Amino acid sequence: MRPTIQDIFSAWKKLILTVTLLLSLITFTAIEEHISFSKIENLQEQRSVIDFIAEISRMDLEFAAIQYRGKSRMLELKYQRLLTLDGYDLIGKLFAEESSDYHTDLKVLQEKTESFIQSAKVWYDPDESALDVKERTLIDARDSLVTHINTMIEKDNGYDYSKSLIQHAMIYLTLLIMIAMAISYFKRSTMILKDIQSLYMVDMQGNAHTPVTDEITIIAKRMRKKALSSENPDMIDPITEINNHKGMLYAYANKKNVKDSAYTAVATFKIDDFSTLDREYSKEFTQSVLKKIAFMTSLYQQPADIIGRTDYSEFTIIFSRADRNQALKDCQLIMSSVEEAKFKTPDGDNLSLTLSTGFAPKHSNITIDDTMGQSKKALGKAMAEGANRLMQT
């Protein structure tokens, strides 16, 4: 089964979406990892504040009380900050058991912090009675709180390791997908490019490219299809296998009563400086160029249009469009497609060609033959002003 360009790009878009999603998740886990580090840093700062409170000197009780109240308030704020950071730890909540355990630790931390603050308040009270008991109570509360904080830090490190495994798995998966995409789509894009190039490259070495994708195969078949108005060989150009001048008039006579649209016009295209090309290269090459340009021009042919080769290097289209602008737009597209195409010479060089164009509307009181004559006059003016121009009456 032939691959289609549509399927290739559809799969490519899905893979891009998958990679974007994975990269977003990796970025999210990196943010989560930063939050985890902030939690550990918060606990370490709490531990430092606890040690500071426990070591305030009682020599100046008034100053000690001021320091105690300030540091106690700081300790409470850091605990509230820890609760906020835990609320942002969405990945941590995926581990239900660990998340529940951490919430239990937070409650214990709050209780031990309150007990420590109360013990410090009693210790820094001016009352001199039972100082040994008060000091021992403060030290025990501090040790219990610091031990719990150390346990939480150790558990946090374990949680972070579990989350890092998820992050690493996503990174490796994304890398593998991107490598597979690079290999697969490099081959596929090369295949599509060769298919597209085969539509407009004239290969005189006999190495004809067989289209691989469905769309290009269909287009190639259309390019090879004869745009004939009659099976009479007298009305067919033998080189390009499209209508000659007589065949165009015959086709128009049979189609003129079909009112597919309200506007009819004639455009005559001539290959610029084709006489020089004819002198420099073989007849076989120049005829293949004429045939290729005829094919390229026929790609813009609509059902009610008539196309033909009316002179050695001239092609004419009788357009049937909704209005003048649409016909002129297709003229410009035909000129651009030929200008952008590369024609490979027998020497292997790429040759660029351009078209000059004359455009004339078909009026009801003028015959199609006279309109074709007007378009050729406009073509003469276009060529007189320089190559690759469009002139209209």
Protein backbone atom coordinates (compact mmCIF):
# COMPACT_ATOMS: atom_id res chain seq x y z
CA MET A 1 0.00 0.00 0.00
CA ARG A 2 1.39 3.36 -1.06
CA PRO A 3 1.97 5.91 1.71
CA THR A 4 0.06 9.18 1.47
CA ILE A 5 1.51 12.59 2.26
CA GLN A 6 -1.60 13.32 4.32
CA ASP A 7 -1.04 10.23 6.52
CA ILE A 8 2.65 11.02 6.90
CA PHE A 9 1.99 14.56 8.08
CA SER A 10 -0.94 13.44 10.25
CA ALA A 11 1.33 10.97 12.07
CA TRP A 12 4.03 13.63 12.28
CA LYS A 13 1.62 16.08 13.93
CA LYS A 14 0.59 13.43 16.47
CA LEU A 15 4.22 12.70 17.32
CA ILE A 16 4.98 16.42 17.65
CA LEU A 17 1.99 16.74 19.99
CA THR A 18 3.21 13.75 22.03
CA VAL A 19 6.75 15.13 22.29
CA THR A 20 5.40 18.57 23.25
CA LEU A 21 3.27 16.97 25.96
CA LEU A 22 6.22 14.98 27.30
CA LEU A 23 8.47 18.05 27.27
CA SER A 24 5.76 19.97 29.13
CA LEU A 25 5.59 17.21 31.74
CA ILE A 26 9.39 17.20 32.05
CA THR A 27 9.33 20.96 32.57
CA PHE A 28 6.59 20.48 35.15
CA THR A 29 8.62 17.84 37.01
CA ALA A 30 11.63 20.18 36.98
CA ILE A 31 9.48 22.83 38.67
CA GLU A 32 8.26 20.19 41.13
CA GLU A 33 11.88 19.25 41.82
CA HIS A 34 12.65 22.88 42.62
CA ILE A 35 9.69 22.89 45.02
CA SER A 36 11.08 19.77 46.73
CA PHE A 37 14.47 21.45 47.16
CA SER A 38 12.69 24.51 48.60
CA LYS A 39 10.93 22.28 51.17
CA ILE A 40 14.23 20.78 52.28
CA GLU A 41 15.80 24.24 52.42
CA ASN A 42 12.84 25.44 54.50
CA LEU A 43 13.32 22.61 57.01
CA GLN A 44 17.03 23.34 57.26
CA GLU A 45 16.27 27.01 57.95
CA GLN A 46 13.76 25.99 60.62
CA ARG A 47 16.45 23.91 62.25
CA SER A 48 18.82 26.89 62.32
CA VAL A 49 16.13 29.12 63.88
CA ILE A 50 15.41 26.47 66.53
CA ASP A 51 19.09 26.27 67.48
CA PHE A 52 19.26 30.07 67.68
CA ILE A 53 16.21 30.27 69.98
CA ALA A 54 17.60 27.56 72.26
CA GLU A 55 20.96 29.32 72.60
CA ILE A 56 19.74 32.87 73.43
CA SER A 57 21.47 34.07 76.60
CA ARG A 58 19.40 34.81 79.74
CA MET A 59 21.83 37.50 80.89
CA ASP A 60 19.65 40.23 79.38
CA LEU A 61 16.12 38.84 79.70
CA GLU A 62 14.44 41.85 78.09
CA PHE A 63 16.62 41.56 74.96
CA ALA A 64 16.29 37.76 75.07
CA ALA A 65 12.49 38.05 75.08
CA ILE A 66 12.61 40.33 72.03
CA GLN A 67 14.83 37.86 70.17
CA TYR A 68 12.68 34.91 71.23
CA ARG A 69 9.44 36.52 70.01
CA GLY A 70 10.97 37.52 66.65
CA LYS A 71 12.51 34.10 65.98
CA SER A 72 9.37 32.28 67.16
CA ARG A 73 7.30 34.28 64.71
CA MET A 74 9.81 33.46 61.97
CA LEU A 75 9.51 29.78 62.83
CA GLU A 76 5.72 29.94 62.50
CA LEU A 77 5.97 31.71 59.13
CA LYS A 78 8.39 29.10 57.82
CA TYR A 79 5.98 26.37 58.83
CA GLN A 80 3.15 28.13 56.95
CA ARG A 81 5.46 28.46 53.94
CA LEU A 82 6.17 24.72 54.13
CA LEU A 83 2.43 24.02 54.00
CA THR A 84 2.14 26.22 50.89
CA LEU A 85 5.03 24.44 49.16
CA ASP A 86 3.45 21.08 49.96
CA GLY A 87 0.22 22.25 48.30
CA TYR A 88 2.14 22.80 45.03
CA ASP A 89 3.74 19.34 45.15
CA LEU A 90 1.27 17.73 42.73
CA ILE A 91 3.53 14.85 41.69
CA GLY A 92 4.12 14.00 45.34
CA LYS A 93 0.39 13.49 45.70
CA LEU A 94 0.59 10.68 43.11
CA PHE A 95 2.34 8.58 45.78
CA ALA A 96 -0.66 8.18 48.09
CA GLU A 97 1.18 6.39 50.90
CA GLU A 98 4.11 8.79 50.89
CA SER A 99 1.80 11.81 50.66
CA SER A 100 -0.25 10.62 53.66
CA ASP A 101 2.93 9.95 55.63
CA TYR A 102 4.24 13.44 54.84
CA HIS A 103 1.00 15.09 55.97
CA THR A 104 1.26 13.16 59.24
CA ASP A 105 4.83 14.42 59.64
CA LEU A 106 3.62 17.99 59.06
CA LYS A 107 1.07 17.66 61.86
CA VAL A 108 3.72 16.24 64.20
CA LEU A 109 6.05 19.08 63.17
CA GLN A 110 3.38 21.63 64.09
CA GLU A 111 2.81 20.00 67.50
CA LYS A 112 6.53 19.78 68.32
CA THR A 113 7.08 23.36 67.12
CA GLU A 114 4.31 24.66 69.40
CA SER A 115 5.75 22.63 72.31
CA PHE A 116 9.22 24.03 71.64
CA ILE A 117 7.98 27.61 71.42
CA GLN A 118 6.07 27.19 74.68
CA SER A 119 9.16 25.72 76.39
CA ALA A 120 11.26 28.66 75.13
CA LYS A 121 8.66 31.11 76.40
CA VAL A 122 8.88 29.58 79.89
CA TRP A 123 12.69 29.51 79.78
CA TYR A 124 12.99 33.21 78.92
CA ASP A 125 10.43 34.25 81.55
CA PRO A 126 11.95 36.45 84.32
CA ASP A 127 10.82 33.92 86.95
CA GLU A 128 14.01 32.38 88.35
CA SER A 129 12.40 29.30 89.93
CA ALA A 130 13.18 25.76 88.66
CA LEU A 131 15.59 26.95 86.00
CA ASP A 132 17.18 23.51 85.70
CA VAL A 133 13.82 21.92 84.89
CA LYS A 134 12.93 24.69 82.44
CA GLU A 135 16.28 24.39 80.66
CA ARG A 136 16.00 20.59 80.45
CA THR A 137 12.44 20.89 79.07
CA LEU A 138 13.66 23.38 76.43
CA ILE A 139 16.60 21.18 75.41
CA ASP A 140 14.38 18.06 75.20
CA ALA A 141 11.79 19.94 73.10
CA ARG A 142 14.55 21.25 70.83
CA ASP A 143 16.16 17.83 70.39
CA SER A 144 12.80 16.19 69.68
CA LEU A 145 11.90 18.87 67.12
CA VAL A 146 15.32 18.81 65.39
CA THR A 147 15.24 15.00 65.27
CA HIS A 148 11.82 15.11 63.61
CA ILE A 149 13.03 17.71 61.10
CA ASN A 150 16.05 15.54 60.26
CA THR A 151 13.72 12.59 59.70
CA MET A 152 11.53 14.71 57.37
CA ILE A 153 14.58 15.85 55.40
CA GLU A 154 15.68 12.24 54.99
CA LYS A 155 12.19 11.21 53.83
CA ASP A 156 12.06 14.18 51.42
CA ASN A 157 15.27 12.97 49.84
CA GLY A 158 13.64 9.57 49.35
CA TYR A 159 10.52 11.13 47.82
CA ASP A 160 12.68 13.21 45.48
CA TYR A 161 14.48 10.09 44.29
CA SER A 162 11.14 8.42 43.44
CA LYS A 163 10.00 11.51 41.53
CA SER A 164 13.33 11.78 39.74
CA LEU A 165 12.84 8.25 38.40
CA ILE A 166 9.59 9.41 36.74
CA GLN A 167 11.35 12.44 35.32
CA HIS A 168 14.23 10.35 33.95
CA ALA A 169 11.79 7.87 32.39
CA MET A 170 10.01 10.72 30.57
CA ILE A 171 13.32 12.21 29.43
CA TYR A 172 14.51 8.88 28.01
CA LEU A 173 11.13 8.24 26.36
CA THR A 174 11.14 11.71 24.78
CA LEU A 175 14.70 11.23 23.56
CA LEU A 176 13.87 7.87 21.99
CA ILE A 177 10.77 9.30 20.27
CA MET A 178 12.77 12.28 18.94
CA ILE A 179 15.54 10.00 17.62
CA ALA A 180 12.95 7.75 15.97
CA MET A 181 11.21 10.82 14.49
CA ALA A 182 14.50 12.19 13.16
CA ILE A 183 15.38 8.91 11.44
CA SER A 184 11.88 8.12 10.16
CA TYR A 185 10.90 11.57 8.97
CA PHE A 186 14.27 12.32 7.44
CA LYS A 187 13.65 9.34 5.15
CA ARG A 188 10.01 10.25 4.57
CA SER A 189 10.70 13.92 3.88
CA THR A 190 13.44 12.91 1.44
CA MET A 191 10.97 10.58 -0.26
CA ILE A 192 8.33 13.34 -0.53
CA LEU A 193 10.94 15.82 -1.81
CA LYS A 194 12.08 13.42 -4.53
CA ASP A 195 8.46 12.82 -5.51
CA ILE A 196 7.80 16.56 -5.79
CA GLN A 197 11.04 17.16 -7.69
CA SER A 198 10.08 14.44 -10.16
CA LEU A 199 7.09 16.56 -11.22
CA TYR A 200 9.14 19.44 -12.55
CA MET A 201 12.68 18.12 -13.19
CA VAL A 202 13.47 17.22 -16.80
CA ASP A 203 15.86 14.28 -16.58
CA MET A 204 17.65 13.59 -19.89
CA GLN A 205 19.71 10.74 -18.43
CA GLY A 206 16.80 8.30 -18.57
CA ASN A 207 16.68 7.86 -14.79
CA ALA A 208 12.94 8.36 -14.44
CA HIS A 209 11.75 8.57 -10.83
CA THR A 210 8.79 6.39 -9.87
CA PRO A 211 6.52 8.31 -7.45
CA VAL A 212 6.13 6.67 -4.05
CA THR A 213 3.35 8.70 -2.40
CA ASP A 214 -0.29 8.44 -3.44
CA GLU A 215 -0.84 12.17 -4.05
CA ILE A 216 2.22 12.56 -6.27
CA THR A 217 1.24 9.42 -8.20
CA ILE A 218 -2.20 10.92 -8.89
CA ILE A 219 -0.68 14.27 -9.94
CA ALA A 220 1.83 12.50 -12.18
CA LYS A 221 -0.97 10.57 -13.83
CA ARG A 222 -2.85 13.80 -14.39
CA MET A 223 0.27 15.37 -15.90
CA ARG A 224 0.59 12.45 -18.28
CA LYS A 225 -3.06 12.59 -19.21
CA LYS A 226 -3.79 13.98 -22.68
CA ALA A 227 -5.85 17.12 -22.60
CA LEU A 228 -7.59 16.39 -25.91
CA SER A 229 -10.75 17.81 -27.41
CA SER A 230 -10.75 15.21 -30.16
CA GLU A 231 -9.05 11.96 -31.09
CA ASN A 232 -8.22 13.50 -34.46
CA PRO A 233 -4.40 13.67 -34.64
CA ASP A 234 -4.69 16.82 -36.77
CA MET A 235 -5.95 18.65 -33.69
CA ILE A 236 -3.24 17.38 -31.33
CA ASP A 237 0.25 18.76 -30.88
CA PRO A 238 2.52 15.72 -31.36
CA ILE A 239 5.22 16.91 -28.92
CA THR A 240 3.17 17.98 -25.88
CA GLU A 241 0.10 15.84 -26.68
CA ILE A 242 -2.26 18.74 -25.96
CA ASN A 243 -4.43 20.72 -28.38
CA ASN A 244 -2.86 22.62 -31.24
CA HIS A 245 -4.43 25.86 -32.52
CA LYS A 246 -7.03 24.00 -34.59
CA GLY A 247 -7.85 21.69 -31.71
CA MET A 248 -8.41 24.65 -29.36
CA LEU A 249 -10.91 26.24 -31.75
CA TYR A 250 -12.68 22.91 -32.15
CA ALA A 251 -12.84 22.38 -28.40
CA TYR A 252 -14.13 25.90 -27.81
CA ALA A 253 -16.83 25.47 -30.45
CA ASN A 254 -18.05 22.39 -28.59
CA LYS A 255 -17.86 23.98 -25.14
CA LYS A 256 -18.93 27.55 -25.71
CA ASN A 257 -22.57 26.80 -24.92
CA VAL A 258 -21.65 25.40 -21.52
CA LYS A 259 -22.06 28.35 -19.13
CA ASP A 260 -19.81 27.20 -16.28
CA SER A 261 -18.97 30.80 -15.37
CA ALA A 262 -19.62 34.32 -16.58
CA TYR A 263 -16.09 35.38 -17.52
CA THR A 264 -13.96 34.10 -20.40
CA ALA A 265 -10.44 35.26 -21.26
CA VAL A 266 -7.45 34.13 -23.30
CA ALA A 267 -3.87 34.03 -21.99
CA THR A 268 -0.90 33.31 -24.25
CA PHE A 269 2.37 32.23 -22.60
CA LYS A 270 5.74 32.26 -24.34
CA ILE A 271 9.02 30.80 -23.02
CA ASP A 272 11.49 33.69 -22.75
CA ASP A 273 14.62 33.43 -24.89
CA PHE A 274 13.70 29.92 -26.03
CA SER A 275 15.46 30.43 -29.39
CA THR A 276 18.82 30.63 -27.56
CA LEU A 277 17.96 27.46 -25.67
CA ASP A 278 17.05 25.78 -28.95
CA ARG A 279 20.48 26.60 -30.40
CA GLU A 280 22.47 25.49 -27.34
CA TYR A 281 20.78 22.18 -26.60
CA SER A 282 19.57 19.16 -28.50
CA LYS A 283 16.12 18.92 -29.97
CA GLU A 284 15.36 16.07 -27.62
CA PHE A 285 16.01 18.29 -24.59
CA THR A 286 14.07 21.31 -25.84
CA GLN A 287 11.09 19.14 -26.72
CA SER A 288 11.15 17.59 -23.25
CA VAL A 289 11.12 21.14 -21.80
CA LEU A 290 8.10 22.03 -23.93
CA LYS A 291 6.31 18.89 -22.79
CA LYS A 292 7.10 19.55 -19.14
CA ILE A 293 5.85 23.13 -19.30
CA ALA A 294 2.69 21.93 -21.02
CA PHE A 295 2.16 19.50 -18.13
CA MET A 296 2.82 22.18 -15.52
CA THR A 297 0.40 24.54 -17.21
CA SER A 298 -2.29 21.86 -17.40
CA LEU A 299 -2.20 21.53 -13.59
CA TYR A 300 -4.06 24.84 -13.40
CA GLN A 301 -6.63 23.79 -16.00
CA GLN A 302 -10.21 23.66 -14.75
CA PRO A 303 -12.93 21.52 -16.38
CA ALA A 304 -14.29 24.35 -18.55
CA ASP A 305 -10.80 25.58 -19.60
CA ILE A 306 -9.13 24.77 -22.91
CA ILE A 307 -5.37 24.52 -23.21
CA GLY A 308 -3.16 24.18 -26.26
CA ARG A 309 0.21 24.77 -27.85
CA THR A 310 -0.35 27.47 -30.46
CA ASP A 311 3.25 28.11 -31.58
CA TYR A 312 6.68 26.58 -31.14
CA SER A 313 7.30 28.01 -27.65
CA GLU A 314 3.81 29.39 -27.01
CA PHE A 315 0.96 27.95 -24.97
CA THR A 316 -2.54 29.33 -24.81
CA ILE A 317 -5.31 28.87 -22.24
CA ILE A 318 -8.94 29.85 -22.74
CA PHE A 319 -9.94 30.55 -19.15
CA SER A 320 -13.48 30.16 -17.85
CA ARG A 321 -13.61 31.82 -14.43
CA ALA A 322 -15.94 33.70 -12.12
CA ASP A 323 -14.16 37.00 -12.79
CA ARG A 324 -11.09 38.63 -14.30
CA ASN A 325 -9.07 38.57 -11.08
CA GLN A 326 -9.26 34.79 -10.78
CA ALA A 327 -8.04 34.31 -14.33
CA LEU A 328 -5.16 36.76 -13.80
CA LYS A 329 -4.25 35.05 -10.53
CA ASP A 330 -3.94 31.68 -12.30
CA CYS A 331 -1.76 33.31 -14.96
CA GLN A 332 0.59 34.55 -12.24
CA LEU A 333 0.62 31.11 -10.60
CA ILE A 334 1.57 29.44 -13.89
CA MET A 335 4.37 31.97 -14.44
CA SER A 336 5.64 31.50 -10.87
CA SER A 337 5.58 27.70 -11.04
CA VAL A 338 7.71 27.69 -14.20
CA GLU A 339 10.08 30.31 -12.78
CA GLU A 340 10.59 28.29 -9.58
CA ALA A 341 11.06 24.98 -11.39
CA LYS A 342 14.52 23.64 -12.20
CA PHE A 343 15.10 21.91 -15.54
CA LYS A 344 18.07 19.56 -15.57
CA THR A 345 20.18 19.85 -18.69
CA PRO A 346 22.00 16.90 -20.33
CA ASP A 347 25.16 18.15 -18.56
CA GLY A 348 23.45 17.82 -15.19
CA ASP A 349 23.11 21.57 -14.61
CA ASN A 350 19.91 23.19 -13.39
CA LEU A 351 18.31 25.53 -15.88
CA SER A 352 15.80 28.24 -14.91
CA LEU A 353 13.14 29.47 -17.34
CA THR A 354 10.51 32.20 -17.29
CA LEU A 355 7.32 32.96 -19.19
CA SER A 356 6.00 36.19 -20.68
CA THR A 357 2.23 36.44 -20.86
CA GLY A 358 -0.41 38.29 -22.85
CA PHE A 359 -3.95 38.44 -21.45
CA ALA A 360 -7.15 39.44 -23.27
CA PRO A 361 -10.80 39.18 -22.17
CA LYS A 362 -13.30 37.52 -24.52
CA HIS A 363 -16.07 39.96 -25.44
CA SER A 364 -19.37 38.78 -26.88
CA ASN A 365 -18.88 40.72 -30.12
CA ILE A 366 -15.39 39.32 -30.80
CA THR A 367 -14.56 35.80 -31.99
CA ILE A 368 -12.32 33.54 -29.96
CA ASP A 369 -9.75 33.59 -32.78
CA ASP A 370 -9.63 37.41 -32.66
CA THR A 371 -9.34 37.30 -28.87
CA MET A 372 -6.39 34.93 -29.20
CA GLY A 373 -4.86 37.44 -31.63
CA GLN A 374 -5.32 40.23 -29.04
CA SER A 375 -3.62 38.15 -26.37
CA LYS A 376 -0.67 37.58 -28.72
CA LYS A 377 -0.40 41.35 -29.25
CA ALA A 378 -0.35 41.85 -25.50
CA LEU A 379 2.30 39.12 -25.31
CA GLY A 380 4.42 41.03 -27.83
CA LYS A 381 4.26 44.13 -25.61
CA ALA A 382 5.21 42.05 -22.55
CA MET A 383 8.27 40.65 -24.32
CA ALA A 384 9.23 44.09 -25.65
CA GLU A 385 9.34 45.43 -22.07
CA GLY A 386 11.43 42.53 -20.79
CA ALA A 387 11.14 38.90 -19.78
CA ASN A 388 8.84 37.39 -17.17
CA ARG A 389 6.06 40.00 -17.56
CA LEU A 390 2.30 39.91 -17.93
CA MET A 391 0.51 42.46 -20.12
CA GLN A 392 -3.25 42.67 -20.50
CA THR A 393 -5.54 44.48 -22.90
